[in-house]
N, C-alpha and C. Protein backbone atom coordinates (compact mmCIF):
# COMPACT_ATOMS: atom_id res chain seq x y z
N UNK A 1 -12.95 -5.59 -14.99
CA UNK A 1 -11.61 -4.50 -13.91
C UNK A 1 -10.10 -5.79 -14.15
N UNK A 2 -9.54 -5.11 -14.64
CA UNK A 2 -8.26 -5.98 -15.15
C UNK A 2 -7.41 -6.61 -13.71
N UNK A 3 -7.16 -7.60 -13.32
CA UNK A 3 -6.33 -8.65 -12.65
C UNK A 3 -5.77 -8.20 -11.93
N UNK A 4 -5.94 -8.02 -10.52
CA UNK A 4 -4.84 -6.92 -10.06
C UNK A 4 -3.85 -8.27 -9.15
N UNK A 5 -3.13 -7.68 -8.72
CA UNK A 5 -1.71 -8.54 -8.04
C UNK A 5 -1.16 -7.43 -7.20
N UNK A 6 -0.62 -8.46 -5.71
CA UNK A 6 0.05 -7.50 -4.66
C UNK A 6 1.20 -7.10 -5.36
N UNK A 7 1.57 -5.79 -5.31
CA UNK A 7 2.66 -4.95 -5.83
C UNK A 7 3.35 -4.39 -4.48
N UNK A 8 3.47 -4.24 -3.36
CA UNK A 8 3.90 -3.45 -2.00
C UNK A 8 3.17 -4.32 -1.00
N UNK A 9 3.69 -4.50 -0.33
CA UNK A 9 2.95 -4.84 1.12
C UNK A 9 4.12 -3.55 2.65
N UNK A 10 3.37 -3.53 3.43
CA UNK A 10 3.59 -3.00 4.77
C UNK A 10 2.98 -2.56 5.42
N UNK A 11 4.12 -2.28 6.34
CA UNK A 11 3.24 -2.40 8.45
C UNK A 11 3.27 -0.89 8.35
N UNK A 12 2.33 0.01 9.33
CA UNK A 12 2.42 0.81 10.07
C UNK A 12 2.86 1.16 11.43
N UNK A 13 3.56 2.11 11.47
CA UNK A 13 3.84 2.44 13.10
C UNK A 13 3.39 1.99 13.87
N UNK A 14 3.67 1.87 15.36
CA UNK A 14 2.43 1.74 16.38
C UNK A 14 1.60 2.50 16.64
N UNK A 15 0.22 2.18 16.90
CA UNK A 15 -0.94 3.22 17.17
C UNK A 15 -1.01 3.75 15.84
N UNK A 16 -0.69 3.18 14.38
CA UNK A 16 -0.96 4.04 13.46
C UNK A 16 -1.79 3.43 12.78
N UNK A 17 -3.11 3.64 11.77
CA UNK A 17 -3.88 2.66 11.06
C UNK A 17 -4.43 3.91 10.00
N UNK A 18 -5.06 3.44 9.32
CA UNK A 18 -5.19 4.07 7.63
C UNK A 18 -6.76 3.01 7.35
N UNK A 19 -7.87 3.83 7.37
CA UNK A 19 -8.66 2.90 6.70
C UNK A 19 -8.90 2.34 5.28
N UNK A 20 -9.73 1.70 4.77
CA UNK A 20 -9.54 1.07 3.05
C UNK A 20 -9.87 2.23 2.37
N UNK A 21 -10.93 2.68 2.40
CA UNK A 21 -11.08 4.29 1.31
C UNK A 21 -9.98 4.86 1.12
N UNK A 22 -9.15 5.38 2.52
CA UNK A 22 -8.40 6.51 2.41
C UNK A 22 -6.96 6.02 2.08
N UNK A 23 -6.83 4.49 2.04
CA UNK A 23 -5.87 3.98 1.38
C UNK A 23 -5.51 3.73 0.39
N UNK A 24 -7.61 3.22 -0.49
CA UNK A 24 -7.40 3.03 -1.92
C UNK A 24 -6.79 4.74 -2.61
N UNK A 25 -7.10 5.63 -1.74
CA UNK A 25 -7.24 6.76 -2.51
C UNK A 25 -5.63 7.12 -2.44
N UNK A 26 -4.95 7.30 -1.60
CA UNK A 26 -3.87 7.39 -1.88
C UNK A 26 -2.50 6.26 -2.67
N UNK A 27 -3.06 5.25 -3.13
CA UNK A 27 -2.69 4.35 -3.72
C UNK A 27 -3.12 4.94 -5.43
N UNK A 28 -4.15 5.37 -5.27
CA UNK A 28 -4.56 5.24 -6.93
C UNK A 28 -3.93 6.58 -7.44
N UNK A 29 -4.03 7.50 -6.64
CA UNK A 29 -3.09 8.93 -7.19
C UNK A 29 -1.96 8.60 -7.16
N UNK A 30 -1.24 7.67 -5.99
CA UNK A 30 0.34 6.93 -7.06
C UNK A 30 0.43 6.25 -8.19
N UNK A 31 -0.65 5.72 -8.00
CA UNK A 31 -0.72 4.76 -9.46
C UNK A 31 -0.73 5.63 -10.87
N UNK A 32 -1.85 6.68 -10.35
CA UNK A 32 -2.74 7.27 -11.37
C UNK A 32 -3.59 6.70 -12.17
N UNK A 33 -5.00 5.83 -11.23
CA UNK A 33 -5.46 5.01 -11.76
C UNK A 33 -6.42 4.42 -10.96
N UNK A 34 -7.94 4.71 -11.32
CA UNK A 34 -8.58 4.12 -10.12
C UNK A 34 -9.00 2.01 -10.24
N UNK A 35 -8.16 1.86 -11.17
CA UNK A 35 -7.85 0.56 -11.03
C UNK A 35 -7.39 -0.13 -10.29
N UNK A 36 -7.19 0.04 -9.06
CA UNK A 36 -6.53 -0.93 -7.51
C UNK A 36 -7.33 -1.10 -6.74
N UNK A 37 -6.47 -2.04 -5.97
CA UNK A 37 -7.25 -2.34 -4.36
C UNK A 37 -6.38 -2.47 -3.14
N UNK A 38 -6.80 -2.24 -2.34
CA UNK A 38 -5.73 -3.00 -0.71
C UNK A 38 -6.27 -3.68 -0.30
N UNK A 39 -5.72 -4.11 0.53
CA UNK A 39 -6.19 -5.33 1.22
C UNK A 39 -5.41 -4.94 2.94
N UNK A 40 -5.82 -5.76 3.62
CA UNK A 40 -5.38 -5.35 5.29
C UNK A 40 -5.16 -6.89 6.01
N UNK A 41 -4.73 -7.61 6.17
CA UNK A 41 -4.35 -8.73 7.24
C UNK A 41 -4.10 -8.48 8.52
N UNK A 42 -4.70 -8.67 9.67
CA UNK A 42 -4.30 -8.87 11.27
C UNK A 42 -3.20 -8.98 11.41
N UNK A 43 -2.65 -8.77 12.08
CA UNK A 43 -0.91 -8.86 12.81
C UNK A 43 -0.63 -10.45 13.44
N UNK A 44 0.29 -10.82 13.61
CA UNK A 44 0.31 -12.35 14.19
C UNK A 44 -0.11 -12.66 15.82
N UNK A 45 -0.48 -12.99 15.88
CA UNK A 45 -0.32 -13.62 17.56
C UNK A 45 0.66 -13.90 17.93
N UNK A 46 0.75 -13.29 18.98
CA UNK A 46 2.39 -12.95 19.64
C UNK A 46 3.43 -12.39 19.63
N UNK A 47 3.08 -11.34 17.91
CA UNK A 47 3.90 -10.65 17.34
C UNK A 47 3.18 -9.29 18.19
N UNK A 48 3.70 -8.45 17.47
CA UNK A 48 3.60 -6.87 17.80
C UNK A 48 2.47 -6.66 17.79
N UNK A 49 1.14 -7.57 16.74
CA UNK A 49 -0.18 -7.23 16.53
C UNK A 49 -0.09 -6.17 15.25
N UNK A 50 0.27 -5.68 14.82
CA UNK A 50 0.67 -4.80 13.61
C UNK A 50 -0.36 -5.25 12.27
N UNK A 51 -1.15 -5.17 11.84
CA UNK A 51 -1.58 -5.60 11.17
C UNK A 51 -1.02 -5.12 9.40
N UNK A 52 -0.69 -5.67 8.18
CA UNK A 52 -0.06 -5.94 7.13
C UNK A 52 -1.22 -5.72 5.63
N UNK A 53 -0.66 -4.27 5.78
CA UNK A 53 -1.91 -4.05 4.37
C UNK A 53 -0.74 -4.46 2.90
N UNK A 54 -1.92 -4.61 2.03
CA UNK A 54 -1.24 -4.48 1.05
C UNK A 54 -1.93 -3.78 -0.44
N UNK A 55 -1.37 -3.18 -1.01
CA UNK A 55 -1.57 -2.59 -2.34
C UNK A 55 -1.14 -3.09 -3.74
N UNK A 56 -2.55 -3.81 -4.49
CA UNK A 56 -2.72 -4.08 -5.63
C UNK A 56 -3.22 -3.35 -6.64
N UNK A 57 -2.55 -3.48 -7.38
CA UNK A 57 -2.66 -3.15 -9.20
C UNK A 57 -2.63 -4.00 -9.87
N UNK A 58 -2.50 -3.40 -11.54
CA UNK A 58 -2.42 -4.10 -12.62
C UNK A 58 -0.80 -4.74 -12.65
N UNK A 59 -0.98 -5.82 -13.00
CA UNK A 59 0.88 -6.48 -13.52
C UNK A 59 1.50 -5.34 -14.83
N UNK A 60 0.86 -4.92 -15.39
CA UNK A 60 0.83 -3.87 -16.55
C UNK A 60 1.01 -2.32 -15.51
N UNK A 61 1.06 -2.17 -14.63
CA UNK A 61 1.60 -0.68 -14.27
C UNK A 61 2.76 -0.13 -14.65
N UNK A 62 2.88 0.80 -15.63
CA UNK A 62 3.79 1.18 -15.80
C UNK A 62 3.87 2.68 -14.34
N UNK A 63 5.72 2.59 -15.01
CA UNK A 63 6.52 3.30 -14.12
C UNK A 63 6.55 3.06 -12.60
N UNK A 64 7.03 1.64 -12.48
CA UNK A 64 6.39 1.46 -11.24
C UNK A 64 7.65 1.98 -10.02
N UNK A 65 8.61 2.72 -10.19
CA UNK A 65 9.80 3.09 -9.77
C UNK A 65 8.77 4.73 -9.02
N UNK A 66 8.51 4.88 -9.60
CA UNK A 66 7.71 6.29 -10.10
C UNK A 66 6.84 5.97 -8.90
N UNK A 67 5.64 5.25 -8.92
CA UNK A 67 4.84 4.71 -8.67
C UNK A 67 5.22 4.69 -7.17
N UNK A 68 6.40 3.94 -6.85
CA UNK A 68 7.11 3.39 -5.52
C UNK A 68 7.07 5.38 -5.11
N UNK A 69 8.25 5.83 -5.58
CA UNK A 69 7.88 6.85 -5.02
C UNK A 69 7.49 7.80 -4.67
N UNK A 70 5.96 7.96 -5.12
CA UNK A 70 4.89 9.00 -4.73
C UNK A 70 3.93 8.15 -3.51
N UNK A 71 3.94 6.92 -3.73
CA UNK A 71 3.47 6.24 -2.96
C UNK A 71 3.88 6.65 -1.33
N UNK A 72 5.21 6.35 -1.51
CA UNK A 72 6.50 6.78 -0.27
C UNK A 72 6.19 8.14 0.33
N UNK A 73 5.82 9.10 -0.64
CA UNK A 73 5.99 10.53 -0.67
C UNK A 73 4.18 10.51 0.35
N UNK A 74 3.42 10.21 0.01
CA UNK A 74 1.71 10.42 0.37
C UNK A 74 1.53 9.64 1.31
N UNK A 75 2.18 8.61 2.18
CA UNK A 75 2.14 7.65 3.34
C UNK A 75 3.12 9.11 4.93
N UNK A 76 4.40 9.56 4.04
CA UNK A 76 4.89 10.55 5.02
C UNK A 76 4.34 11.80 5.03
N UNK A 77 3.72 12.10 4.26
CA UNK A 77 2.46 13.58 4.21
C UNK A 77 1.12 13.28 4.88
N UNK A 78 1.25 12.07 5.10
CA UNK A 78 -0.22 11.78 5.87
C UNK A 78 0.31 11.46 6.86
N UNK A 79 1.64 11.72 7.60
CA UNK A 79 2.03 11.30 8.87
C UNK A 79 2.09 9.79 9.09
N UNK A 80 2.40 8.66 8.04
CA UNK A 80 2.05 7.46 8.30
C UNK A 80 3.66 7.10 8.10
N UNK A 81 4.14 6.18 8.87
CA UNK A 81 5.45 6.16 9.32
C UNK A 81 5.28 4.51 8.54
N UNK A 82 5.60 4.38 7.52
CA UNK A 82 5.59 2.70 6.90
C UNK A 82 6.82 1.96 6.26
N UNK A 83 6.50 1.26 6.60
CA UNK A 83 7.82 0.19 6.01
C UNK A 83 7.36 -0.81 4.73
N UNK A 84 7.35 0.19 3.59
CA UNK A 84 6.63 -0.37 2.13
C UNK A 84 7.71 -1.30 1.67
N UNK A 85 7.13 -2.67 1.68
CA UNK A 85 7.99 -3.27 0.82
C UNK A 85 7.68 -3.77 -0.71
N UNK A 86 8.62 -3.71 -1.82
CA UNK A 86 7.99 -4.01 -2.88
C UNK A 86 7.76 -5.34 -3.33
N UNK A 87 7.12 -6.08 -4.35
CA UNK A 87 6.96 -7.71 -4.43
C UNK A 87 7.42 -7.10 -5.63
N UNK A 88 7.36 -6.89 -6.62
CA UNK A 88 7.86 -6.92 -7.85
C UNK A 88 9.06 -6.77 -7.99
N UNK A 89 9.39 -7.27 -9.20
CA UNK A 89 10.92 -6.74 -9.43
C UNK A 89 11.52 -5.99 -10.19
């Protein structure tokens, strides 16, 4: 498996969550490859408690702007209010 790096991070709206397999499936479809990963970090204590999700892929992922568009659309289609933040240039 290729070395995976974080490409995006996001939080979801209050009361929303997504399991790792469902998120990985959305991300893999957006990327057009099964060589992806996801992670979830618990929310900070004293904050709003929402976890931060990370989407990982190969640094050689092609057409990143289109991948981002597809991922945003997938989150919306699944009624998930996400604040998606690109971690790439």
